[in-house]
mmCIF file of all heavy atoms, coordinates in Angstrom:
data_MODEL
# 
_entry.id   MODEL 
# 
loop_
_atom_site.group_PDB 
_atom_site.id 
_atom_site.type_symbol 
_atom_site.label_atom_id 
_atom_site.label_alt_id 
_atom_site.label_comp_id 
_atom_site.label_asym_id 
_atom_site.label_entity_id 
_atom_site.label_seq_id 
_atom_site.pdbx_PDB_ins_code 
_atom_site.Cartn_x 
_atom_site.Cartn_y 
_atom_site.Cartn_z 
_atom_site.occupancy 
_atom_site.B_iso_or_equiv 
_atom_site.pdbx_formal_charge 
_atom_site.auth_seq_id 
_atom_site.auth_comp_id 
_atom_site.auth_asym_id 
_atom_site.auth_atom_id 
_atom_site.pdbx_PDB_model_num 
ATOM 1   N N   . GLU A 1 1  ? -5.459  0.098   -11.990 1.00 0.00 ? 1  GLU A N   1 
ATOM 2   C CA  . GLU A 1 1  ? -6.565  -0.603  -12.668 1.00 0.00 ? 1  GLU A CA  1 
ATOM 3   C C   . GLU A 1 1  ? -6.272  -0.790  -14.147 1.00 0.00 ? 1  GLU A C   1 
ATOM 4   O O   . GLU A 1 1  ? -7.037  -0.492  -15.019 1.00 0.00 ? 1  GLU A O   1 
ATOM 5   C CB  . GLU A 1 1  ? -7.892  0.242   -12.537 1.00 0.00 ? 1  GLU A CB  1 
ATOM 6   C CG  . GLU A 1 1  ? -8.389  0.392   -11.031 1.00 0.00 ? 1  GLU A CG  1 
ATOM 7   C CD  . GLU A 1 1  ? -8.915  -0.855  -10.451 1.00 0.00 ? 1  GLU A CD  1 
ATOM 8   O OE1 . GLU A 1 1  ? -9.015  -1.889  -11.126 1.00 0.00 ? 1  GLU A OE1 1 
ATOM 9   O OE2 . GLU A 1 1  ? -9.110  -0.841  -9.224  1.00 0.00 ? 1  GLU A OE2 1 
ATOM 10  N N   . LEU A 1 2  ? -4.990  -1.247  -14.377 1.00 0.00 ? 2  LEU A N   1 
ATOM 11  C CA  . LEU A 1 2  ? -4.636  -1.507  -15.791 1.00 0.00 ? 2  LEU A CA  1 
ATOM 12  C C   . LEU A 1 2  ? -5.304  -2.683  -16.276 1.00 0.00 ? 2  LEU A C   1 
ATOM 13  O O   . LEU A 1 2  ? -5.488  -3.749  -15.610 1.00 0.00 ? 2  LEU A O   1 
ATOM 14  C CB  . LEU A 1 2  ? -3.094  -1.670  -15.844 1.00 0.00 ? 2  LEU A CB  1 
ATOM 15  C CG  . LEU A 1 2  ? -2.291  -0.449  -15.858 1.00 0.00 ? 2  LEU A CG  1 
ATOM 16  C CD1 . LEU A 1 2  ? -0.916  -0.587  -15.228 1.00 0.00 ? 2  LEU A CD1 1 
ATOM 17  C CD2 . LEU A 1 2  ? -2.156  0.133   -17.277 1.00 0.00 ? 2  LEU A CD2 1 
ATOM 18  N N   . LYS A 1 3  ? -5.654  -2.649  -17.553 1.00 0.00 ? 3  LYS A N   1 
ATOM 19  C CA  . LYS A 1 3  ? -6.368  -3.757  -18.222 1.00 0.00 ? 3  LYS A CA  1 
ATOM 20  C C   . LYS A 1 3  ? -5.795  -3.971  -19.608 1.00 0.00 ? 3  LYS A C   1 
ATOM 21  O O   . LYS A 1 3  ? -6.384  -3.745  -20.638 1.00 0.00 ? 3  LYS A O   1 
ATOM 22  C CB  . LYS A 1 3  ? -7.825  -3.565  -18.340 1.00 0.00 ? 3  LYS A CB  1 
ATOM 23  C CG  . LYS A 1 3  ? -8.574  -3.483  -16.916 1.00 0.00 ? 3  LYS A CG  1 
ATOM 24  C CD  . LYS A 1 3  ? -10.116 -3.258  -17.057 1.00 0.00 ? 3  LYS A CD  1 
ATOM 25  C CE  . LYS A 1 3  ? -10.753 -3.307  -15.678 1.00 0.00 ? 3  LYS A CE  1 
ATOM 26  N NZ  . LYS A 1 3  ? -10.271 -2.236  -14.795 1.00 0.00 ? 3  LYS A NZ  1 
ATOM 27  N N   . CYS A 1 4  ? -4.507  -4.473  -19.630 1.00 0.00 ? 4  CYS A N   1 
ATOM 28  C CA  . CYS A 1 4  ? -3.833  -4.626  -20.984 1.00 0.00 ? 4  CYS A CA  1 
ATOM 29  C C   . CYS A 1 4  ? -4.378  -5.932  -21.585 1.00 0.00 ? 4  CYS A C   1 
ATOM 30  O O   . CYS A 1 4  ? -4.764  -6.871  -21.048 1.00 0.00 ? 4  CYS A O   1 
ATOM 31  C CB  . CYS A 1 4  ? -2.385  -4.698  -20.761 1.00 0.00 ? 4  CYS A CB  1 
ATOM 32  S SG  . CYS A 1 4  ? -1.555  -3.313  -19.934 1.00 0.00 ? 4  CYS A SG  1 
ATOM 33  N N   . SER A 1 5  ? -4.238  -5.945  -22.909 1.00 0.00 ? 5  SER A N   1 
ATOM 34  C CA  . SER A 1 5  ? -4.617  -7.052  -23.690 1.00 0.00 ? 5  SER A CA  1 
ATOM 35  C C   . SER A 1 5  ? -3.305  -7.903  -24.008 1.00 0.00 ? 5  SER A C   1 
ATOM 36  O O   . SER A 1 5  ? -3.383  -8.985  -24.554 1.00 0.00 ? 5  SER A O   1 
ATOM 37  C CB  . SER A 1 5  ? -5.293  -6.748  -25.053 1.00 0.00 ? 5  SER A CB  1 
ATOM 38  O OG  . SER A 1 5  ? -4.445  -6.070  -25.802 1.00 0.00 ? 5  SER A OG  1 
ATOM 39  N N   . SER A 1 6  ? -2.186  -7.369  -23.781 1.00 0.00 ? 6  SER A N   1 
ATOM 40  C CA  . SER A 1 6  ? -0.823  -7.845  -24.125 1.00 0.00 ? 6  SER A CA  1 
ATOM 41  C C   . SER A 1 6  ? -0.412  -7.484  -25.435 1.00 0.00 ? 6  SER A C   1 
ATOM 42  O O   . SER A 1 6  ? 0.731   -7.877  -25.856 1.00 0.00 ? 6  SER A O   1 
ATOM 43  C CB  . SER A 1 6  ? -0.549  -9.393  -23.839 1.00 0.00 ? 6  SER A CB  1 
ATOM 44  O OG  . SER A 1 6  ? -1.192  -10.152 -24.831 1.00 0.00 ? 6  SER A OG  1 
ATOM 45  N N   . ASN A 1 7  ? -1.228  -6.892  -26.284 1.00 0.00 ? 7  ASN A N   1 
ATOM 46  C CA  . ASN A 1 7  ? -0.928  -6.462  -27.608 1.00 0.00 ? 7  ASN A CA  1 
ATOM 47  C C   . ASN A 1 7  ? -0.425  -5.020  -27.745 1.00 0.00 ? 7  ASN A C   1 
ATOM 48  O O   . ASN A 1 7  ? 0.263   -4.682  -28.748 1.00 0.00 ? 7  ASN A O   1 
ATOM 49  C CB  . ASN A 1 7  ? -2.118  -6.597  -28.620 1.00 0.00 ? 7  ASN A CB  1 
ATOM 50  C CG  . ASN A 1 7  ? -2.566  -8.074  -28.761 1.00 0.00 ? 7  ASN A CG  1 
ATOM 51  O OD1 . ASN A 1 7  ? -1.727  -8.975  -28.857 1.00 0.00 ? 7  ASN A OD1 1 
ATOM 52  N ND2 . ASN A 1 7  ? -3.888  -8.284  -28.790 1.00 0.00 ? 7  ASN A ND2 1 
ATOM 53  N N   . GLU A 1 8  ? -0.517  -4.252  -26.701 1.00 0.00 ? 8  GLU A N   1 
ATOM 54  C CA  . GLU A 1 8  ? -0.051  -2.947  -26.633 1.00 0.00 ? 8  GLU A CA  1 
ATOM 55  C C   . GLU A 1 8  ? 1.588   -2.925  -26.737 1.00 0.00 ? 8  GLU A C   1 
ATOM 56  O O   . GLU A 1 8  ? 2.247   -3.731  -26.180 1.00 0.00 ? 8  GLU A O   1 
ATOM 57  C CB  . GLU A 1 8  ? -0.510  -2.194  -25.354 1.00 0.00 ? 8  GLU A CB  1 
ATOM 58  C CG  . GLU A 1 8  ? -2.103  -2.139  -25.316 1.00 0.00 ? 8  GLU A CG  1 
ATOM 59  C CD  . GLU A 1 8  ? -2.757  -3.288  -24.590 1.00 0.00 ? 8  GLU A CD  1 
ATOM 60  O OE1 . GLU A 1 8  ? -1.918  -4.272  -24.282 1.00 0.00 ? 8  GLU A OE1 1 
ATOM 61  O OE2 . GLU A 1 8  ? -3.941  -3.197  -24.360 1.00 0.00 ? 8  GLU A OE2 1 
ATOM 62  N N   . SER A 1 9  ? 1.997   -1.786  -27.241 1.00 0.00 ? 9  SER A N   1 
ATOM 63  C CA  . SER A 1 9  ? 3.478   -1.617  -27.401 1.00 0.00 ? 9  SER A CA  1 
ATOM 64  C C   . SER A 1 9  ? 3.944   -0.907  -26.183 1.00 0.00 ? 9  SER A C   1 
ATOM 65  O O   . SER A 1 9  ? 5.237   -1.026  -25.848 1.00 0.00 ? 9  SER A O   1 
ATOM 66  C CB  . SER A 1 9  ? 3.836   -0.821  -28.617 1.00 0.00 ? 9  SER A CB  1 
ATOM 67  O OG  . SER A 1 9  ? 3.483   -1.527  -29.802 1.00 0.00 ? 9  SER A OG  1 
ATOM 68  N N   . PHE A 1 10 ? 3.164   -0.117  -25.521 1.00 0.00 ? 10 PHE A N   1 
ATOM 69  C CA  . PHE A 1 10 ? 3.625   0.726   -24.308 1.00 0.00 ? 10 PHE A CA  1 
ATOM 70  C C   . PHE A 1 10 ? 2.537   0.511   -23.153 1.00 0.00 ? 10 PHE A C   1 
ATOM 71  O O   . PHE A 1 10 ? 1.328   0.493   -23.434 1.00 0.00 ? 10 PHE A O   1 
ATOM 72  C CB  . PHE A 1 10 ? 3.642   2.206   -24.686 1.00 0.00 ? 10 PHE A CB  1 
ATOM 73  C CG  . PHE A 1 10 ? 4.689   2.437   -25.849 1.00 0.00 ? 10 PHE A CG  1 
ATOM 74  C CD1 . PHE A 1 10 ? 4.193   2.629   -27.053 1.00 0.00 ? 10 PHE A CD1 1 
ATOM 75  C CD2 . PHE A 1 10 ? 5.985   2.553   -25.522 1.00 0.00 ? 10 PHE A CD2 1 
ATOM 76  C CE1 . PHE A 1 10 ? 5.109   2.766   -28.105 1.00 0.00 ? 10 PHE A CE1 1 
ATOM 77  C CE2 . PHE A 1 10 ? 6.929   2.769   -26.532 1.00 0.00 ? 10 PHE A CE2 1 
ATOM 78  C CZ  . PHE A 1 10 ? 6.431   2.892   -27.866 1.00 0.00 ? 10 PHE A CZ  1 
ATOM 79  N N   . ILE A 1 11 ? 2.981   0.472   -22.019 1.00 0.00 ? 11 ILE A N   1 
ATOM 80  C CA  . ILE A 1 11 ? 2.097   0.257   -20.884 1.00 0.00 ? 11 ILE A CA  1 
ATOM 81  C C   . ILE A 1 11 ? 1.062   1.337   -20.667 1.00 0.00 ? 11 ILE A C   1 
ATOM 82  O O   . ILE A 1 11 ? -0.134  1.049   -20.297 1.00 0.00 ? 11 ILE A O   1 
ATOM 83  C CB  . ILE A 1 11 ? 2.953   0.071   -19.506 1.00 0.00 ? 11 ILE A CB  1 
ATOM 84  C CG1 . ILE A 1 11 ? 2.048   -0.440  -18.450 1.00 0.00 ? 11 ILE A CG1 1 
ATOM 85  C CG2 . ILE A 1 11 ? 3.659   1.354   -19.167 1.00 0.00 ? 11 ILE A CG2 1 
ATOM 86  C CD1 . ILE A 1 11 ? 1.548   -1.834  -18.603 1.00 0.00 ? 11 ILE A CD1 1 
ATOM 87  N N   . TRP A 1 12 ? 1.403   2.584   -21.098 1.00 0.00 ? 12 TRP A N   1 
ATOM 88  C CA  . TRP A 1 12 ? 0.424   3.677   -21.046 1.00 0.00 ? 12 TRP A CA  1 
ATOM 89  C C   . TRP A 1 12 ? -0.607  3.695   -22.087 1.00 0.00 ? 12 TRP A C   1 
ATOM 90  O O   . TRP A 1 12 ? -1.581  4.410   -22.087 1.00 0.00 ? 12 TRP A O   1 
ATOM 91  C CB  . TRP A 1 12 ? 1.117   4.920   -20.891 1.00 0.00 ? 12 TRP A CB  1 
ATOM 92  C CG  . TRP A 1 12 ? 2.397   5.147   -21.750 1.00 0.00 ? 12 TRP A CG  1 
ATOM 93  C CD1 . TRP A 1 12 ? 2.407   5.447   -23.109 1.00 0.00 ? 12 TRP A CD1 1 
ATOM 94  C CD2 . TRP A 1 12 ? 3.678   4.923   -21.432 1.00 0.00 ? 12 TRP A CD2 1 
ATOM 95  N NE1 . TRP A 1 12 ? 3.624   5.507   -23.613 1.00 0.00 ? 12 TRP A NE1 1 
ATOM 96  C CE2 . TRP A 1 12 ? 4.527   5.138   -22.450 1.00 0.00 ? 12 TRP A CE2 1 
ATOM 97  C CE3 . TRP A 1 12 ? 4.344   4.529   -20.215 1.00 0.00 ? 12 TRP A CE3 1 
ATOM 98  C CZ2 . TRP A 1 12 ? 5.875   5.024   -22.455 1.00 0.00 ? 12 TRP A CZ2 1 
ATOM 99  C CZ3 . TRP A 1 12 ? 5.722   4.351   -20.185 1.00 0.00 ? 12 TRP A CZ3 1 
ATOM 100 C CH2 . TRP A 1 12 ? 6.500   4.672   -21.350 1.00 0.00 ? 12 TRP A CH2 1 
ATOM 101 N N   . GLU A 1 13 ? -0.500  2.716   -23.128 1.00 0.00 ? 13 GLU A N   1 
ATOM 102 C CA  . GLU A 1 13 ? -1.537  2.552   -24.032 1.00 0.00 ? 13 GLU A CA  1 
ATOM 103 C C   . GLU A 1 13 ? -2.713  1.735   -23.593 1.00 0.00 ? 13 GLU A C   1 
ATOM 104 O O   . GLU A 1 13 ? -3.755  1.585   -24.144 1.00 0.00 ? 13 GLU A O   1 
ATOM 105 C CB  . GLU A 1 13 ? -1.012  1.897   -25.383 1.00 0.00 ? 13 GLU A CB  1 
ATOM 106 C CG  . GLU A 1 13 ? 0.035   2.770   -26.092 1.00 0.00 ? 13 GLU A CG  1 
ATOM 107 C CD  . GLU A 1 13 ? 0.478   2.160   -27.420 1.00 0.00 ? 13 GLU A CD  1 
ATOM 108 O OE1 . GLU A 1 13 ? 0.411   0.945   -27.486 1.00 0.00 ? 13 GLU A OE1 1 
ATOM 109 O OE2 . GLU A 1 13 ? 1.148   2.922   -28.154 1.00 0.00 ? 13 GLU A OE2 1 
ATOM 110 N N   . CYS A 1 14 ? -2.448  0.957   -22.426 1.00 0.00 ? 14 CYS A N   1 
ATOM 111 C CA  . CYS A 1 14 ? -3.470  0.044   -21.817 1.00 0.00 ? 14 CYS A CA  1 
ATOM 112 C C   . CYS A 1 14 ? -4.628  0.919   -21.176 1.00 0.00 ? 14 CYS A C   1 
ATOM 113 O O   . CYS A 1 14 ? -4.323  1.994   -20.655 1.00 0.00 ? 14 CYS A O   1 
ATOM 114 C CB  . CYS A 1 14 ? -2.881  -0.840  -20.793 1.00 0.00 ? 14 CYS A CB  1 
ATOM 115 S SG  . CYS A 1 14 ? -1.644  -1.894  -21.440 1.00 0.00 ? 14 CYS A SG  1 
ATOM 116 N N   . PRO A 1 15 ? -5.749  0.380   -21.292 1.00 0.00 ? 15 PRO A N   1 
ATOM 117 C CA  . PRO A 1 15 ? -6.948  1.036   -20.508 1.00 0.00 ? 15 PRO A CA  1 
ATOM 118 C C   . PRO A 1 15 ? -6.540  1.052   -18.963 1.00 0.00 ? 15 PRO A C   1 
ATOM 119 O O   . PRO A 1 15 ? -5.992  0.136   -18.438 1.00 0.00 ? 15 PRO A O   1 
ATOM 120 C CB  . PRO A 1 15 ? -8.144  0.135   -20.728 1.00 0.00 ? 15 PRO A CB  1 
ATOM 121 C CG  . PRO A 1 15 ? -7.783  -0.573  -21.997 1.00 0.00 ? 15 PRO A CG  1 
ATOM 122 C CD  . PRO A 1 15 ? -6.283  -0.838  -21.994 1.00 0.00 ? 15 PRO A CD  1 
ATOM 123 N N   . SER A 1 16 ? -6.881  2.183   -18.306 1.00 0.00 ? 16 SER A N   1 
ATOM 124 C CA  . SER A 1 16 ? -6.518  2.371   -16.917 1.00 0.00 ? 16 SER A CA  1 
ATOM 125 C C   . SER A 1 16 ? -7.236  3.500   -16.360 1.00 0.00 ? 16 SER A C   1 
ATOM 126 O O   . SER A 1 16 ? -7.903  4.285   -17.085 1.00 0.00 ? 16 SER A O   1 
ATOM 127 C CB  . SER A 1 16 ? -4.995  2.414   -16.791 1.00 0.00 ? 16 SER A CB  1 
ATOM 128 O OG  . SER A 1 16 ? -4.525  3.796   -17.151 1.00 0.00 ? 16 SER A OG  1 
ATOM 129 N N   . ALA A 1 17 ? -7.052  3.636   -15.030 1.00 0.00 ? 17 ALA A N   1 
ATOM 130 C CA  . ALA A 1 17 ? -7.586  4.949   -14.431 1.00 0.00 ? 17 ALA A CA  1 
ATOM 131 C C   . ALA A 1 17 ? -6.732  6.090   -14.921 1.00 0.00 ? 17 ALA A C   1 
ATOM 132 O O   . ALA A 1 17 ? -5.601  5.825   -15.459 1.00 0.00 ? 17 ALA A O   1 
ATOM 133 C CB  . ALA A 1 17 ? -7.552  4.801   -12.982 1.00 0.00 ? 17 ALA A CB  1 
ATOM 134 N N   . SER A 1 18 ? -7.173  7.293   -14.822 1.00 0.00 ? 18 SER A N   1 
ATOM 135 C CA  . SER A 1 18 ? -6.399  8.419   -15.315 1.00 0.00 ? 18 SER A CA  1 
ATOM 136 C C   . SER A 1 18 ? -5.126  8.556   -14.531 1.00 0.00 ? 18 SER A C   1 
ATOM 137 O O   . SER A 1 18 ? -4.964  8.054   -13.398 1.00 0.00 ? 18 SER A O   1 
ATOM 138 C CB  . SER A 1 18 ? -7.186  9.744   -15.227 1.00 0.00 ? 18 SER A CB  1 
ATOM 139 O OG  . SER A 1 18 ? -7.700  9.961   -13.849 1.00 0.00 ? 18 SER A OG  1 
ATOM 140 N N   . TRP A 1 19 ? -4.104  9.253   -15.043 1.00 0.00 ? 19 TRP A N   1 
ATOM 141 C CA  . TRP A 1 19 ? -2.847  9.406   -14.481 1.00 0.00 ? 19 TRP A CA  1 
ATOM 142 C C   . TRP A 1 19 ? -3.013  9.976   -13.033 1.00 0.00 ? 19 TRP A C   1 
ATOM 143 O O   . TRP A 1 19 ? -3.666  11.006  -12.776 1.00 0.00 ? 19 TRP A O   1 
ATOM 144 C CB  . TRP A 1 19 ? -1.944  10.333  -15.240 1.00 0.00 ? 19 TRP A CB  1 
ATOM 145 C CG  . TRP A 1 19 ? -1.447  9.864   -16.527 1.00 0.00 ? 19 TRP A CG  1 
ATOM 146 C CD1 . TRP A 1 19 ? -1.968  9.944   -17.757 1.00 0.00 ? 19 TRP A CD1 1 
ATOM 147 C CD2 . TRP A 1 19 ? -0.355  9.025   -16.655 1.00 0.00 ? 19 TRP A CD2 1 
ATOM 148 N NE1 . TRP A 1 19 ? -1.249  9.401   -18.714 1.00 0.00 ? 19 TRP A NE1 1 
ATOM 149 C CE2 . TRP A 1 19 ? -0.182  8.725   -18.076 1.00 0.00 ? 19 TRP A CE2 1 
ATOM 150 C CE3 . TRP A 1 19 ? 0.706   8.545   -15.834 1.00 0.00 ? 19 TRP A CE3 1 
ATOM 151 C CZ2 . TRP A 1 19 ? 0.899   7.896   -18.550 1.00 0.00 ? 19 TRP A CZ2 1 
ATOM 152 C CZ3 . TRP A 1 19 ? 1.700   7.673   -16.296 1.00 0.00 ? 19 TRP A CZ3 1 
ATOM 153 C CH2 . TRP A 1 19 ? 1.713   7.400   -17.706 1.00 0.00 ? 19 TRP A CH2 1 
ATOM 154 N N   . GLY A 1 20 ? -2.403  9.249   -12.150 1.00 0.00 ? 20 GLY A N   1 
ATOM 155 C CA  . GLY A 1 20 ? -2.372  9.727   -10.659 1.00 0.00 ? 20 GLY A CA  1 
ATOM 156 C C   . GLY A 1 20 ? -3.721  9.442   -9.848  1.00 0.00 ? 20 GLY A C   1 
ATOM 157 O O   . GLY A 1 20 ? -3.727  9.689   -8.708  1.00 0.00 ? 20 GLY A O   1 
ATOM 158 N N   . ASN A 1 21 ? -4.715  8.845   -10.554 1.00 0.00 ? 21 ASN A N   1 
ATOM 159 C CA  . ASN A 1 21 ? -5.969  8.474   -9.838  1.00 0.00 ? 21 ASN A CA  1 
ATOM 160 C C   . ASN A 1 21 ? -5.914  7.024   -9.458  1.00 0.00 ? 21 ASN A C   1 
ATOM 161 O O   . ASN A 1 21 ? -5.927  6.135   -10.233 1.00 0.00 ? 21 ASN A O   1 
ATOM 162 C CB  . ASN A 1 21 ? -7.083  8.728   -10.893 1.00 0.00 ? 21 ASN A CB  1 
ATOM 163 C CG  . ASN A 1 21 ? -8.440  8.530   -10.368 1.00 0.00 ? 21 ASN A CG  1 
ATOM 164 O OD1 . ASN A 1 21 ? -8.658  8.487   -8.971  1.00 0.00 ? 21 ASN A OD1 1 
ATOM 165 N ND2 . ASN A 1 21 ? -9.441  8.433   -11.151 1.00 0.00 ? 21 ASN A ND2 1 
ATOM 166 N N   . HIS A 1 22 ? -5.944  6.911   -8.024  1.00 0.00 ? 22 HIS A N   1 
ATOM 167 C CA  . HIS A 1 22 ? -5.728  5.635   -7.472  1.00 0.00 ? 22 HIS A CA  1 
ATOM 168 C C   . HIS A 1 22 ? -6.305  5.582   -5.981  1.00 0.00 ? 22 HIS A C   1 
ATOM 169 O O   . HIS A 1 22 ? -6.621  6.607   -5.449  1.00 0.00 ? 22 HIS A O   1 
ATOM 170 C CB  . HIS A 1 22 ? -4.253  5.173   -7.414  1.00 0.00 ? 22 HIS A CB  1 
ATOM 171 C CG  . HIS A 1 22 ? -3.507  5.995   -6.621  1.00 0.00 ? 22 HIS A CG  1 
ATOM 172 N ND1 . HIS A 1 22 ? -3.255  5.760   -5.237  1.00 0.00 ? 22 HIS A ND1 1 
ATOM 173 C CD2 . HIS A 1 22 ? -2.765  7.204   -6.820  1.00 0.00 ? 22 HIS A CD2 1 
ATOM 174 C CE1 . HIS A 1 22 ? -2.459  6.732   -4.724  1.00 0.00 ? 22 HIS A CE1 1 
ATOM 175 N NE2 . HIS A 1 22 ? -2.133  7.615   -5.674  1.00 0.00 ? 22 HIS A NE2 1 
ATOM 176 N N   . ASP A 1 23 ? -6.374  4.453   -5.429  1.00 0.00 ? 23 ASP A N   1 
ATOM 177 C CA  . ASP A 1 23 ? -6.751  4.212   -4.089  1.00 0.00 ? 23 ASP A CA  1 
ATOM 178 C C   . ASP A 1 23 ? -5.692  3.259   -3.350  1.00 0.00 ? 23 ASP A C   1 
ATOM 179 O O   . ASP A 1 23 ? -6.138  2.435   -2.605  1.00 0.00 ? 23 ASP A O   1 
ATOM 180 C CB  . ASP A 1 23 ? -8.174  3.781   -3.828  1.00 0.00 ? 23 ASP A CB  1 
ATOM 181 C CG  . ASP A 1 23 ? -8.415  2.419   -4.649  1.00 0.00 ? 23 ASP A CG  1 
ATOM 182 O OD1 . ASP A 1 23 ? -7.473  1.986   -5.309  1.00 0.00 ? 23 ASP A OD1 1 
ATOM 183 O OD2 . ASP A 1 23 ? -9.524  1.825   -4.503  1.00 0.00 ? 23 ASP A OD2 1 
ATOM 184 N N   . CYS A 1 24 ? -4.435  3.427   -3.693  1.00 0.00 ? 24 CYS A N   1 
ATOM 185 C CA  . CYS A 1 24 ? -3.371  2.498   -3.327  1.00 0.00 ? 24 CYS A CA  1 
ATOM 186 C C   . CYS A 1 24 ? -2.347  3.135   -2.484  1.00 0.00 ? 24 CYS A C   1 
ATOM 187 O O   . CYS A 1 24 ? -2.290  4.463   -2.407  1.00 0.00 ? 24 CYS A O   1 
ATOM 188 C CB  . CYS A 1 24 ? -2.676  1.975   -4.525  1.00 0.00 ? 24 CYS A CB  1 
ATOM 189 S SG  . CYS A 1 24 ? -3.797  1.228   -5.766  1.00 0.00 ? 24 CYS A SG  1 
ATOM 190 N N   . SER A 1 25 ? -1.664  2.377   -1.724  1.00 0.00 ? 25 SER A N   1 
ATOM 191 C CA  . SER A 1 25 ? -0.414  2.877   -1.027  1.00 0.00 ? 25 SER A CA  1 
ATOM 192 C C   . SER A 1 25 ? 0.769   2.158   -1.732  1.00 0.00 ? 25 SER A C   1 
ATOM 193 O O   . SER A 1 25 ? 0.624   1.288   -2.496  1.00 0.00 ? 25 SER A O   1 
ATOM 194 C CB  . SER A 1 25 ? -0.400  2.442   0.435   1.00 0.00 ? 25 SER A CB  1 
ATOM 195 O OG  . SER A 1 25 ? -0.286  1.051   0.679   1.00 0.00 ? 25 SER A OG  1 
# 
């Protein structure tokens, strides 16, 4: 659930679910 604005310098600066929290395979 990443929601970057494209202005971030690092991918982990983007809003997202917490580390390891997902419903994906």
